[in-house]
Every structure is written in structure tokens, then in C-alpha cells.
Amino acid sequence: MSDRDAEDRWSPPIGPVDPEHPECAAVIAEVWTLLDGECTAETRDKLRHHLEECPSCLRYYGVEERVKALIAKKCSGEKAPDRLRERLRIELSRTTIIRRG
């Protein structure tokens, strides 16, 4: 096996990996499923247990949790005023008619 083959197969870890916890890369890969509530109860329990034991992963989880909260806050703006929405609907309708014609 050449050095080139070994380089092609190697992939870097997916986040901070604590040498005391070799499963960190797998936990970091699953953080968003935990944040989004998309993992099974068994996976959730395993992830939470690991986070309780691993300060590096807990720190990473905290950062991702804050990023998710910030995105939710900044992207959930108010609904556009009715007059603006109506004007946009009319303009989009005109644009569609002109392009089809």
C-alpha cells in the first residue's frame, strides 16, 4: 500500500476530539440531530451521557446551540405589512404574465 492510498482514505475528525474520549467525532457528527430533536431516545441518551462526561464536546454543543438560537432569532422576523405583500404579489404576477407572453 502506498502513502498516497493511506492519504486518500484518511479523513480528519469532525470537530474537537478529546483523546480521553475517542467517540467524540461520532458525537460531534450527531450534535445537530440532538439539537433538532431528530434522534432516537436511545441516541439522545447516549449523546447526553457523553456530553456530561466530555467538556470538549459539551463546549462544542454549547456553541452549536447558541448558533441555532441566533439563526432562529434573526431569521424569524416579522411578517411583511399587508400593503407591501399585496404590491409584491401584483408585481410578481405582472412579471409572470410578461415572461409568458
Protein backbone atom coordinates (compact mmCIF):
# COMPACT_ATOMS: atom_id res chain seq x y z
CA MET A 1 0.00 0.00 0.00
CA SER A 2 1.44 3.38 -0.96
CA ASP A 3 1.46 6.54 1.13
CA ARG A 4 -0.93 8.04 -1.42
CA ASP A 5 -3.54 5.32 -0.72
CA ALA A 6 -3.34 5.99 3.01
CA GLU A 7 -3.81 9.73 2.44
CA ASP A 8 -6.85 9.15 0.23
CA ARG A 9 -8.57 7.06 2.91
CA TRP A 10 -7.77 9.29 5.88
CA SER A 11 -10.32 11.92 6.80
CA PRO A 12 -9.95 14.47 9.56
CA PRO A 13 -12.11 14.31 12.67
CA ILE A 14 -15.40 16.22 12.60
CA GLY A 15 -14.70 18.55 15.48
CA PRO A 16 -12.79 18.73 18.70
CA VAL A 17 -11.65 15.28 19.70
CA ASP A 18 -10.67 14.63 23.29
CA PRO A 19 -8.06 11.85 23.50
CA GLU A 20 -9.80 10.67 26.67
CA HIS A 21 -12.99 10.12 24.65
CA PRO A 22 -12.29 8.56 21.24
CA GLU A 23 -16.01 8.60 20.39
CA CYS A 24 -16.00 12.43 20.24
CA ALA A 25 -16.00 12.58 16.43
CA ALA A 26 -19.18 10.48 16.29
CA VAL A 27 -20.84 12.62 18.97
CA ILE A 28 -19.93 15.86 17.21
CA ALA A 29 -21.34 14.46 13.96
CA GLU A 30 -24.68 13.88 15.73
CA VAL A 31 -24.93 17.21 17.60
CA TRP A 32 -27.40 18.75 15.15
CA THR A 33 -29.72 15.74 15.32
CA LEU A 34 -29.83 16.24 19.08
CA LEU A 35 -30.39 20.00 18.76
CA ASP A 36 -33.16 19.45 16.21
CA GLY A 37 -34.79 16.65 18.21
CA GLU A 38 -34.34 14.26 15.29
CA CYS A 39 -32.54 11.41 17.05
CA THR A 40 -33.98 8.36 18.73
CA ALA A 41 -34.40 8.28 22.51
CA GLU A 42 -31.52 5.80 22.74
CA THR A 43 -29.20 8.02 20.69
CA ARG A 44 -30.30 11.10 22.64
CA ASP A 45 -29.46 9.38 25.93
CA LYS A 46 -26.04 8.25 24.67
CA LEU A 47 -25.23 11.73 23.38
CA ARG A 48 -26.32 13.44 26.58
CA HIS A 49 -24.32 10.98 28.67
CA HIS A 50 -21.23 11.67 26.57
CA LEU A 51 -21.77 15.44 26.84
CA GLU A 52 -21.94 15.13 30.63
CA GLU A 53 -18.57 13.35 30.64
CA CYS A 54 -16.70 15.33 27.97
CA PRO A 55 -16.02 19.05 28.44
CA SER A 56 -14.73 19.48 24.86
CA CYS A 57 -17.90 18.11 23.29
CA LEU A 58 -20.10 19.97 25.78
CA ARG A 59 -18.36 23.21 24.82
CA TYR A 60 -18.86 22.41 21.12
CA TYR A 61 -22.52 21.56 21.76
CA GLY A 62 -22.96 24.88 23.58
CA VAL A 63 -21.56 26.82 20.62
CA GLU A 64 -23.82 25.00 18.17
CA GLU A 65 -26.82 25.56 20.46
CA ARG A 66 -26.11 29.30 20.52
CA VAL A 67 -25.67 29.39 16.73
CA LYS A 68 -29.02 27.64 16.27
CA ALA A 69 -30.73 30.09 18.67
CA LEU A 70 -29.17 33.08 16.90
CA ILE A 71 -30.29 31.83 13.48
CA ALA A 72 -33.81 31.25 14.79
CA LYS A 73 -33.90 34.73 16.30
CA LYS A 74 -32.54 36.56 13.25
CA CYS A 75 -34.46 34.57 10.63
CA SER A 76 -37.88 34.57 12.25
CA GLY A 77 -38.61 38.21 11.53
CA GLU A 78 -41.95 39.86 11.48
CA LYS A 79 -44.46 39.31 8.71
CA ALA A 80 -44.36 41.96 5.98
CA PRO A 81 -47.16 44.57 6.11
CA ASP A 82 -50.27 43.66 4.10
CA ARG A 83 -49.82 46.58 1.65
CA LEU A 84 -46.26 45.53 0.85
CA ARG A 85 -47.28 41.90 0.42
CA GLU A 86 -50.09 42.91 -1.96
CA ARG A 87 -47.77 45.13 -4.04
CA LEU A 88 -45.23 42.31 -4.28
CA ARG A 89 -47.94 39.83 -5.28
CA ILE A 90 -49.10 42.20 -8.07
CA GLU A 91 -45.54 42.81 -9.31
CA LEU A 92 -44.76 39.10 -9.33
CA SER A 93 -47.98 38.46 -11.20
CA ARG A 94 -47.09 41.11 -13.82
CA THR A 95 -43.60 39.69 -14.22
CA THR A 96 -45.01 36.21 -14.73
CA ILE A 97 -47.52 37.43 -17.33
CA ILE A 98 -44.86 39.40 -19.23
CA ARG A 99 -42.49 36.45 -19.35
CA ARG A 100 -45.17 34.03 -20.50
CA GLY A 101 -46.47 36.40 -23.18
